[in-house]
Amino acid sequence: MSDQYSNRHKKRVIQEGVRALKNKPGWDVSSFVPASARAQERLMELDQQARDQKVYAQSERCQGCETLREQSGDASALCETHLAEAMGF
């Protein structure tokens, strides 16, 4: 824009352009998630899955887990120790 337009006019035109872009699918910067954040989130999910697999494998040989499963009737019940491990404590 040249100097023939006032700053107020320039600002209004820019705001209209921004509003038009935000209304386009995929252009809303407020909902943008960087690829690095998605990768970090995926790594955390994979870490949790690996931890769960390890804990459930160990719980198959745990007498406390076995007793708790029999008492509750829940085939996925874990003793306090294995539950804490599964939760990441």
PDB file of N, CA and C in Angstrom:
ATOM      1  N   MET A   1       0.846  -1.183   0.000  1.00  0.00           N
ATOM      2  CA  MET A   1       0.000   0.000   0.000  1.00  0.00           C
ATOM      3  C   MET A   1       0.886   1.240   0.000  1.00  0.00           C
ATOM      4  N   SER A   2       0.424   2.203  -0.661  1.00  0.00           N
ATOM      5  CA  SER A   2       1.216   3.429  -0.722  1.00  0.00           C
ATOM      6  C   SER A   2       0.830   4.368   0.419  1.00  0.00           C
ATOM      7  N   ASP A   3       1.456   5.512   0.439  1.00  0.00           N
ATOM      8  CA  ASP A   3       1.226   6.483   1.514  1.00  0.00           C
ATOM      9  C   ASP A   3      -0.093   7.231   1.370  1.00  0.00           C
ATOM     10  N   GLN A   4      -0.846   7.011   0.293  1.00  0.00           N
ATOM     11  CA  GLN A   4      -2.108   7.719   0.104  1.00  0.00           C
ATOM     12  C   GLN A   4      -3.200   7.204   1.038  1.00  0.00           C
ATOM     13  N   TYR A   5      -2.992   6.051   1.659  1.00  0.00           N
ATOM     14  CA  TYR A   5      -3.976   5.496   2.583  1.00  0.00           C
ATOM     15  C   TYR A   5      -3.551   5.781   4.013  1.00  0.00           C
ATOM     16  N   SER A   6      -4.541   6.033   4.869  1.00  0.00           N
ATOM     17  CA  SER A   6      -4.243   6.290   6.279  1.00  0.00           C
ATOM     18  C   SER A   6      -3.859   4.991   6.975  1.00  0.00           C
ATOM     19  N   ASN A   7      -3.201   5.134   8.107  1.00  0.00           N
ATOM     20  CA  ASN A   7      -2.818   3.954   8.895  1.00  0.00           C
ATOM     21  C   ASN A   7      -4.052   3.173   9.334  1.00  0.00           C
ATOM     22  N   ARG A   8      -5.127   3.861   9.649  1.00  0.00           N
ATOM     23  CA  ARG A   8      -6.369   3.215  10.069  1.00  0.00           C
ATOM     24  C   ARG A   8      -6.917   2.349   8.929  1.00  0.00           C
ATOM     25  N   HIS A   9      -6.903   2.893   7.715  1.00  0.00           N
ATOM     26  CA  HIS A   9      -7.380   2.147   6.551  1.00  0.00           C
ATOM     27  C   HIS A   9      -6.501   0.921   6.297  1.00  0.00           C
ATOM     28  N   LYS A  10      -5.200   1.084   6.396  1.00  0.00           N
ATOM     29  CA  LYS A  10      -4.266  -0.028   6.195  1.00  0.00           C
ATOM     30  C   LYS A  10      -4.524  -1.135   7.220  1.00  0.00           C
ATOM     31  N   LYS A  11      -4.717  -0.722   8.470  1.00  0.00           N
ATOM     32  CA  LYS A  11      -4.955  -1.690   9.527  1.00  0.00           C
ATOM     33  C   LYS A  11      -6.259  -2.453   9.285  1.00  0.00           C
ATOM     34  N   ARG A  12      -7.305  -1.753   8.847  1.00  0.00           N
ATOM     35  CA  ARG A  12      -8.586  -2.395   8.578  1.00  0.00           C
ATOM     36  C   ARG A  12      -8.466  -3.402   7.440  1.00  0.00           C
ATOM     37  N   VAL A  13      -7.756  -3.043   6.389  1.00  0.00           N
ATOM     38  CA  VAL A  13      -7.579  -3.942   5.248  1.00  0.00           C
ATOM     39  C   VAL A  13      -6.802  -5.191   5.671  1.00  0.00           C
ATOM     40  N   ILE A  14      -5.774  -5.006   6.488  1.00  0.00           N
ATOM     41  CA  ILE A  14      -4.980  -6.141   6.976  1.00  0.00           C
ATOM     42  C   ILE A  14      -5.831  -7.046   7.842  1.00  0.00           C
ATOM     43  N   GLN A  15      -6.627  -6.465   8.749  1.00  0.00           N
ATOM     44  CA  GLN A  15      -7.488  -7.272   9.613  1.00  0.00           C
ATOM     45  C   GLN A  15      -8.520  -8.056   8.807  1.00  0.00           C
ATOM     46  N   GLU A  16      -9.044  -7.468   7.748  1.00  0.00           N
ATOM     47  CA  GLU A  16      -9.990  -8.180   6.884  1.00  0.00           C
ATOM     48  C   GLU A  16      -9.304  -9.361   6.198  1.00  0.00           C
ATOM     49  N   GLY A  17      -8.071  -9.146   5.745  1.00  0.00           N
ATOM     50  CA  GLY A  17      -7.318 -10.229   5.116  1.00  0.00           C
ATOM     51  C   GLY A  17      -7.033 -11.361   6.085  1.00  0.00           C
ATOM     52  N   VAL A  18      -6.665 -11.012   7.307  1.00  0.00           N
ATOM     53  CA  VAL A  18      -6.397 -12.022   8.336  1.00  0.00           C
ATOM     54  C   VAL A  18      -7.666 -12.804   8.640  1.00  0.00           C
ATOM     55  N   ARG A  19      -8.779 -12.096   8.772  1.00  0.00           N
ATOM     56  CA  ARG A  19     -10.055 -12.755   9.046  1.00  0.00           C
ATOM     57  C   ARG A  19     -10.423 -13.714   7.909  1.00  0.00           C
ATOM     58  N   ALA A  20     -10.192 -13.287   6.669  1.00  0.00           N
ATOM     59  CA  ALA A  20     -10.490 -14.144   5.515  1.00  0.00           C
ATOM     60  C   ALA A  20      -9.619 -15.403   5.534  1.00  0.00           C
ATOM     61  N   LEU A  21      -8.342 -15.256   5.872  1.00  0.00           N
ATOM     62  CA  LEU A  21      -7.455 -16.418   5.946  1.00  0.00           C
ATOM     63  C   LEU A  21      -7.867 -17.365   7.064  1.00  0.00           C
ATOM     64  N   LYS A  22      -8.214 -16.823   8.218  1.00  0.00           N
ATOM     65  CA  LYS A  22      -8.618 -17.663   9.348  1.00  0.00           C
ATOM     66  C   LYS A  22      -9.874 -18.459   9.037  1.00  0.00           C
ATOM     67  N   ASN A  23     -10.721 -17.937   8.162  1.00  0.00           N
ATOM     68  CA  ASN A  23     -11.950 -18.636   7.801  1.00  0.00           C
ATOM     69  C   ASN A  23     -11.705 -19.768   6.811  1.00  0.00           C
ATOM     70  N   LYS A  24     -10.533 -19.789   6.189  1.00  0.00           N
ATOM     71  CA  LYS A  24     -10.200 -20.887   5.278  1.00  0.00           C
ATOM     72  C   LYS A  24      -9.811 -22.108   6.096  1.00  0.00           C
ATOM     73  N   PRO A  25     -10.234 -23.298   5.676  1.00  0.00           N
ATOM     74  CA  PRO A  25      -9.860 -24.526   6.401  1.00  0.00           C
ATOM     75  C   PRO A  25      -8.345 -24.696   6.448  1.00  0.00           C
ATOM     76  N   GLY A  26      -7.827 -24.957   7.639  1.00  0.00           N
ATOM     77  CA  GLY A  26      -6.400 -25.209   7.804  1.00  0.00           C
ATOM     78  C   GLY A  26      -5.546 -23.974   7.985  1.00  0.00           C
ATOM     79  N   TRP A  27      -6.142 -22.786   7.978  1.00  0.00           N
ATOM     80  CA  TRP A  27      -5.352 -21.553   8.092  1.00  0.00           C
ATOM     81  C   TRP A  27      -5.478 -20.872   9.441  1.00  0.00           C
ATOM     82  N   ASP A  28      -6.208 -21.430  10.366  1.00  0.00           N
ATOM     83  CA  ASP A  28      -6.390 -20.786  11.669  1.00  0.00           C
ATOM     84  C   ASP A  28      -5.159 -21.031  12.532  1.00  0.00           C
ATOM     85  N   VAL A  29      -4.362 -19.991  12.760  1.00  0.00           N
ATOM     86  CA  VAL A  29      -3.110 -20.139  13.505  1.00  0.00           C
ATOM     87  C   VAL A  29      -3.337 -20.456  14.971  1.00  0.00           C
ATOM     88  N   SER A  30      -4.513 -20.149  15.506  1.00  0.00           N
ATOM     89  CA  SER A  30      -4.774 -20.433  16.917  1.00  0.00           C
ATOM     90  C   SER A  30      -4.920 -21.928  17.170  1.00  0.00           C
ATOM     91  N   SER A  31      -5.257 -22.692  16.122  1.00  0.00           N
ATOM     92  CA  SER A  31      -5.394 -24.136  16.301  1.00  0.00           C
ATOM     93  C   SER A  31      -4.209 -24.904  15.724  1.00  0.00           C
ATOM     94  N   PHE A  32      -3.179 -24.186  15.316  1.00  0.00           N
ATOM     95  CA  PHE A  32      -1.995 -24.816  14.724  1.00  0.00           C
ATOM     96  C   PHE A  32      -1.188 -25.551  15.786  1.00  0.00           C
ATOM     97  N   VAL A  33      -0.777 -26.779  15.472  1.00  0.00           N
ATOM     98  CA  VAL A  33       0.068 -27.570  16.353  1.00  0.00           C
ATOM     99  C   VAL A  33       1.336 -27.897  15.570  1.00  0.00           C
ATOM    100  N   PRO A  34       2.496 -27.426  16.031  1.00  0.00           N
ATOM    101  CA  PRO A  34       3.728 -27.696  15.293  1.00  0.00           C
ATOM    102  C   PRO A  34       4.039 -29.191  15.219  1.00  0.00           C
ATOM    103  N   ALA A  35       4.730 -29.573  14.174  1.00  0.00           N
ATOM    104  CA  ALA A  35       5.067 -30.984  13.968  1.00  0.00           C
ATOM    105  C   ALA A  35       5.877 -31.531  15.132  1.00  0.00           C
ATOM    106  N   SER A  36       6.733 -30.712  15.721  1.00  0.00           N
ATOM    107  CA  SER A  36       7.548 -31.182  16.840  1.00  0.00           C
ATOM    108  C   SER A  36       6.675 -31.550  18.039  1.00  0.00           C
ATOM    109  N   ALA A  37       5.584 -30.820  18.255  1.00  0.00           N
ATOM    110  CA  ALA A  37       4.680 -31.143  19.369  1.00  0.00           C
ATOM    111  C   ALA A  37       3.948 -32.457  19.092  1.00  0.00           C
ATOM    112  N   ARG A  38       3.547 -32.670  17.836  1.00  0.00           N
ATOM    113  CA  ARG A  38       2.874 -33.931  17.487  1.00  0.00           C
ATOM    114  C   ARG A  38       3.831 -35.105  17.654  1.00  0.00           C
ATOM    115  N   ALA A  39       5.093 -34.894  17.260  1.00  0.00           N
ATOM    116  CA  ALA A  39       6.089 -35.962  17.397  1.00  0.00           C
ATOM    117  C   ALA A  39       6.320 -36.279  18.872  1.00  0.00           C
ATOM    118  N   GLN A  40       6.408 -35.252  19.699  1.00  0.00           N
ATOM    119  CA  GLN A  40       6.614 -35.441  21.135  1.00  0.00           C
ATOM    120  C   GLN A  40       5.431 -36.187  21.742  1.00  0.00           C
ATOM    121  N   GLU A  41       4.235 -35.829  21.332  1.00  0.00           N
ATOM    122  CA  GLU A  41       3.036 -36.495  21.831  1.00  0.00           C
ATOM    123  C   GLU A  41       3.030 -37.971  21.423  1.00  0.00           C
ATOM    124  N   ARG A  42       3.413 -38.256  20.197  1.00  0.00           N
ATOM    125  CA  ARG A  42       3.455 -39.640  19.712  1.00  0.00           C
ATOM    126  C   ARG A  42       4.500 -40.450  20.478  1.00  0.00           C
ATOM    127  N   LEU A  43       5.662 -39.840  20.749  1.00  0.00           N
ATOM    128  CA  LEU A  43       6.691 -40.528  21.532  1.00  0.00           C
ATOM    129  C   LEU A  43       6.194 -40.871  22.930  1.00  0.00           C
ATOM    130  N   MET A  44       5.455 -39.951  23.529  1.00  0.00           N
ATOM    131  CA  MET A  44       4.905 -40.209  24.859  1.00  0.00           C
ATOM    132  C   MET A  44       3.895 -41.360  24.812  1.00  0.00           C
ATOM    133  N   GLU A  45       3.083 -41.414  23.746  1.00  0.00           N
ATOM    134  CA  GLU A  45       2.124 -42.509  23.606  1.00  0.00           C
ATOM    135  C   GLU A  45       2.841 -43.843  23.453  1.00  0.00           C
ATOM    136  N   LEU A  46       3.889 -43.861  22.632  1.00  0.00           N
ATOM    137  CA  LEU A  46       4.646 -45.100  22.431  1.00  0.00           C
ATOM    138  C   LEU A  46       5.332 -45.541  23.719  1.00  0.00           C
ATOM    139  N   ASP A  47       5.845 -44.576  24.479  1.00  0.00           N
ATOM    140  CA  ASP A  47       6.484 -44.892  25.757  1.00  0.00           C
ATOM    141  C   ASP A  47       5.471 -45.503  26.717  1.00  0.00           C
ATOM    142  N   GLN A  48       4.267 -44.941  26.751  1.00  0.00           N
ATOM    143  CA  GLN A  48       3.213 -45.468  27.621  1.00  0.00           C
ATOM    144  C   GLN A  48       2.813 -46.876  27.186  1.00  0.00           C
ATOM    145  N   GLN A  49       2.709 -47.107  25.895  1.00  0.00           N
ATOM    146  CA  GLN A  49       2.349 -48.440  25.406  1.00  0.00           C
ATOM    147  C   GLN A  49       3.413 -49.465  25.784  1.00  0.00           C
ATOM    148  N   ALA A  50       4.681 -49.086  25.637  1.00  0.00           N
ATOM    149  CA  ALA A  50       5.767 -50.007  25.994  1.00  0.00           C
ATOM    150  C   ALA A  50       5.741 -50.299  27.488  1.00  0.00           C
ATOM    151  N   ARG A  51       5.496 -49.271  28.290  1.00  0.00           N
ATOM    152  CA  ARG A  51       5.420 -49.448  29.740  1.00  0.00           C
ATOM    153  C   ARG A  51       4.262 -50.371  30.106  1.00  0.00           C
ATOM    154  N   ASP A  52       3.108 -50.173  29.456  1.00  0.00           N
ATOM    155  CA  ASP A  52       1.944 -51.020  29.722  1.00  0.00           C
ATOM    156  C   ASP A  52       2.231 -52.480  29.385  1.00  0.00           C
ATOM    157  N   GLN A  53       2.841 -52.708  28.236  1.00  0.00           N
ATOM    158  CA  GLN A  53       3.159 -54.082  27.843  1.00  0.00           C
ATOM    159  C   GLN A  53       4.099 -54.738  28.847  1.00  0.00           C
ATOM    160  N   LYS A  54       5.103 -53.994  29.296  1.00  0.00           N
ATOM    161  CA  LYS A  54       6.072 -54.525  30.262  1.00  0.00           C
ATOM    162  C   LYS A  54       5.380 -54.852  31.585  1.00  0.00           C
ATOM    163  N   VAL A  55       4.552 -53.918  32.063  1.00  0.00           N
ATOM    164  CA  VAL A  55       3.875 -54.104  33.353  1.00  0.00           C
ATOM    165  C   VAL A  55       2.910 -55.279  33.294  1.00  0.00           C
ATOM    166  N   TYR A  56       2.134 -55.383  32.231  1.00  0.00           N
ATOM    167  CA  TYR A  56       1.183 -56.491  32.145  1.00  0.00           C
ATOM    168  C   TYR A  56       1.892 -57.828  31.992  1.00  0.00           C
ATOM    169  N   ALA A  57       3.040 -57.827  31.319  1.00  0.00           N
ATOM    170  CA  ALA A  57       3.821 -59.068  31.224  1.00  0.00           C
ATOM    171  C   ALA A  57       4.324 -59.477  32.611  1.00  0.00           C
ATOM    172  N   GLN A  58       4.793 -58.502  33.392  1.00  0.00           N
ATOM    173  CA  GLN A  58       5.272 -58.789  34.751  1.00  0.00           C
ATOM    174  C   GLN A  58       4.113 -59.204  35.653  1.00  0.00           C
ATOM    175  N   SER A  59       2.946 -58.617  35.435  1.00  0.00           N
ATOM    176  CA  SER A  59       1.806 -58.903  36.313  1.00  0.00           C
ATOM    177  C   SER A  59       1.297 -60.337  36.143  1.00  0.00           C
ATOM    178  N   GLU A  60       1.609 -60.956  35.006  1.00  0.00           N
ATOM    179  CA  GLU A  60       1.195 -62.342  34.786  1.00  0.00           C
ATOM    180  C   GLU A  60       1.882 -63.287  35.781  1.00  0.00           C
ATOM    181  N   ARG A  61       3.055 -62.882  36.268  1.00  0.00           N
ATOM    182  CA  ARG A  61       3.816 -63.719  37.202  1.00  0.00           C
ATOM    183  C   ARG A  61       3.721 -63.217  38.647  1.00  0.00           C
ATOM    184  N   CYS A  62       2.886 -62.191  38.866  1.00  0.00           N
ATOM    185  CA  CYS A  62       2.794 -61.581  40.197  1.00  0.00           C
ATOM    186  C   CYS A  62       1.642 -62.209  40.992  1.00  0.00           C
ATOM    187  N   GLN A  63       1.957 -62.700  42.170  1.00  0.00           N
ATOM    188  CA  GLN A  63       0.942 -63.317  43.024  1.00  0.00           C
ATOM    189  C   GLN A  63      -0.086 -62.283  43.483  1.00  0.00           C
ATOM    190  N   GLY A  64       0.356 -61.067  43.788  1.00  0.00           N
ATOM    191  CA  GLY A  64      -0.567 -60.011  44.225  1.00  0.00           C
ATOM    192  C   GLY A  64      -1.582 -59.659  43.155  1.00  0.00           C
ATOM    193  N   CYS A  65      -1.126 -59.561  41.922  1.00  0.00           N
ATOM    194  CA  CYS A  65      -2.034 -59.271  40.809  1.00  0.00           C
ATOM    195  C   CYS A  65      -3.012 -60.418  40.600  1.00  0.00           C
ATOM    196  N   GLU A  66      -2.495 -61.630  40.674  1.00  0.00           N
ATOM    197  CA  GLU A  66      -3.332 -62.817  40.486  1.00  0.00           C
ATOM    198  C   GLU A  66      -4.438 -62.874  41.537  1.00  0.00           C
ATOM    199  N   THR A  67      -4.081 -62.624  42.789  1.00  0.00           N
ATOM    200  CA  THR A  67      -5.060 -62.640  43.880  1.00  0.00           C
ATOM    201  C   THR A  67      -6.116 -61.562  43.669  1.00  0.00           C
ATOM    202  N   LEU A  68      -5.668 -60.361  43.304  1.00  0.00           N
ATOM    203  CA  LEU A  68      -6.590 -59.247  43.081  1.00  0.00           C
ATOM    204  C   LEU A  68      -7.539 -59.538  41.923  1.00  0.00           C
ATOM    205  N   ARG A  69      -7.043 -60.174  40.882  1.00  0.00           N
ATOM    206  CA  ARG A  69      -7.892 -60.531  39.741  1.00  0.00           C
ATOM    207  C   ARG A  69      -8.964 -61.535  40.140  1.00  0.00           C
ATOM    208  N   GLU A  70      -8.584 -62.509  40.954  1.00  0.00           N
ATOM    209  CA  GLU A  70      -9.552 -63.510  41.406  1.00  0.00           C
ATOM    210  C   GLU A  70     -10.620 -62.878  42.283  1.00  0.00           C
ATOM    211  N   GLN A  71     -10.212 -61.962  43.174  1.00  0.00           N
ATOM    212  CA  GLN A  71     -11.158 -61.331  44.095  1.00  0.00           C
ATOM    213  C   GLN A  71     -12.119 -60.391  43.364  1.00  0.00           C
ATOM    214  N   SER A  72     -11.598 -59.638  42.415  1.00  0.00           N
ATOM    215  CA  SER A  72     -12.429 -58.621  41.756  1.00  0.00           C
ATOM    216  C   SER A  72     -13.157 -59.144  40.522  1.00  0.00           C
ATOM    217  N   GLY A  73     -12.647 -60.208  39.928  1.00  0.00           N
ATOM    218  CA  GLY A  73     -13.239 -60.698  38.696  1.00  0.00           C
ATOM    219  C   GLY A  73     -12.829 -59.881  37.480  1.00  0.00           C
ATOM    220  N   ASP A  74     -11.910 -58.971  37.672  1.00  0.00           N
ATOM    221  CA  ASP A  74     -11.409 -58.116  36.587  1.00  0.00           C
ATOM    222  C   ASP A  74     -10.109 -58.708  36.069  1.00  0.00           C
ATOM    223  N   ALA A  75     -10.096 -59.135  34.814  1.00  0.00           N
ATOM    224  CA  ALA A  75      -8.923 -59.792  34.236  1.00  0.00           C
ATOM    225  C   ALA A  75      -7.750 -58.842  34.034  1.00  0.00           C
ATOM    226  N   SER A  76      -7.984 -57.534  34.149  1.00  0.00           N
ATOM    227  CA  SER A  76      -6.901 -56.568  33.941  1.00  0.00           C
ATOM    228  C   SER A  76      -6.452 -55.892  35.234  1.00  0.00           C
ATOM    229  N   ALA A  77      -6.938 -56.363  36.386  1.00  0.00           N
ATOM    230  CA  ALA A  77      -6.594 -55.748  37.669  1.00  0.00           C
ATOM    231  C   ALA A  77      -5.109 -55.905  37.960  1.00  0.00           C
ATOM    232  N   LEU A  78      -4.530 -54.862  38.571  1.00  0.00           N
ATOM    233  CA  LEU A  78      -3.114 -54.858  38.932  1.00  0.00           C
ATOM    234  C   LEU A  78      -2.955 -54.560  40.414  1.00  0.00           C
ATOM    235  N   CYS A  79      -1.928 -55.144  40.997  1.00  0.00           N
ATOM    236  CA  CYS A  79      -1.613 -54.832  42.392  1.00  0.00           C
ATOM    237  C   CYS A  79      -1.111 -53.386  42.449  1.00  0.00           C
ATOM    238  N   GLU A  80      -0.965 -52.854  43.662  1.00  0.00           N
ATOM    239  CA  GLU A  80      -0.553 -51.458  43.824  1.00  0.00           C
ATOM    240  C   GLU A  80       0.783 -51.167  43.144  1.00  0.00           C
ATOM    241  N   THR A  81       1.733 -52.080  43.276  1.00  0.00           N
ATOM    242  CA  THR A  81       3.062 -51.875  42.700  1.00  0.00           C
ATOM    243  C   THR A  81       2.997 -51.779  41.178  1.00  0.00           C
ATOM    244  N   HIS A  82       2.314 -52.728  40.558  1.00  0.00           N
ATOM    245  CA  HIS A  82       2.236 -52.718  39.096  1.00  0.00           C
ATOM    246  C   HIS A  82       1.336 -51.590  38.581  1.00  0.00           C
ATOM    247  N   LEU A  83       0.313 -51.235  39.324  1.00  0.00           N
ATOM    248  CA  LEU A  83      -0.526 -50.121  38.931  1.00  0.00           C
ATOM    249  C   LEU A  83       0.282 -48.822  38.938  1.00  0.00           C
ATOM    250  N   ALA A  84       1.096 -48.638  39.962  1.00  0.00           N
ATOM    251  CA  ALA A  84       1.944 -47.439  40.033  1.00  0.00           C
ATOM    252  C   ALA A  84       2.931 -47.409  38.862  1.00  0.00           C
ATOM    253  N   GLU A  85       3.500 -48.558  38.523  1.00  0.00           N
ATOM    254  CA  GLU A  85       4.429 -48.630  37.383  1.00  0.00           C
ATOM    255  C   GLU A  85       3.713 -48.291  36.084  1.00  0.00           C
ATOM    256  N   ALA A  86       2.511 -48.811  35.915  1.00  0.00           N
ATOM    257  CA  ALA A  86       1.745 -48.553  34.690  1.00  0.00           C
ATOM    258  C   ALA A  86       1.401 -47.074  34.557  1.00  0.00           C
ATOM    259  N   MET A  87       1.203 -46.419  35.691  1.00  0.00           N
ATOM    260  CA  MET A  87       0.866 -44.990  35.669  1.00  0.00           C
ATOM    261  C   MET A  87       2.112 -44.117  35.567  1.00  0.00           C
ATOM    262  N   GLY A  88       3.280 -44.707  35.628  1.00  0.00           N
ATOM    263  CA  GLY A  88       4.509 -43.941  35.474  1.00  0.00           C
ATOM    264  C   GLY A  88       5.089 -43.405  36.754  1.00  0.00           C
ATOM    265  N   PHE A  89       4.674 -43.930  37.891  1.00  0.00           N
ATOM    266  CA  PHE A  89       5.209 -43.447  39.173  1.00  0.00           C
ATOM    267  C   PHE A  89       6.430 -44.230  39.570  1.00  0.00           C
TER     268      PHE A  89
END
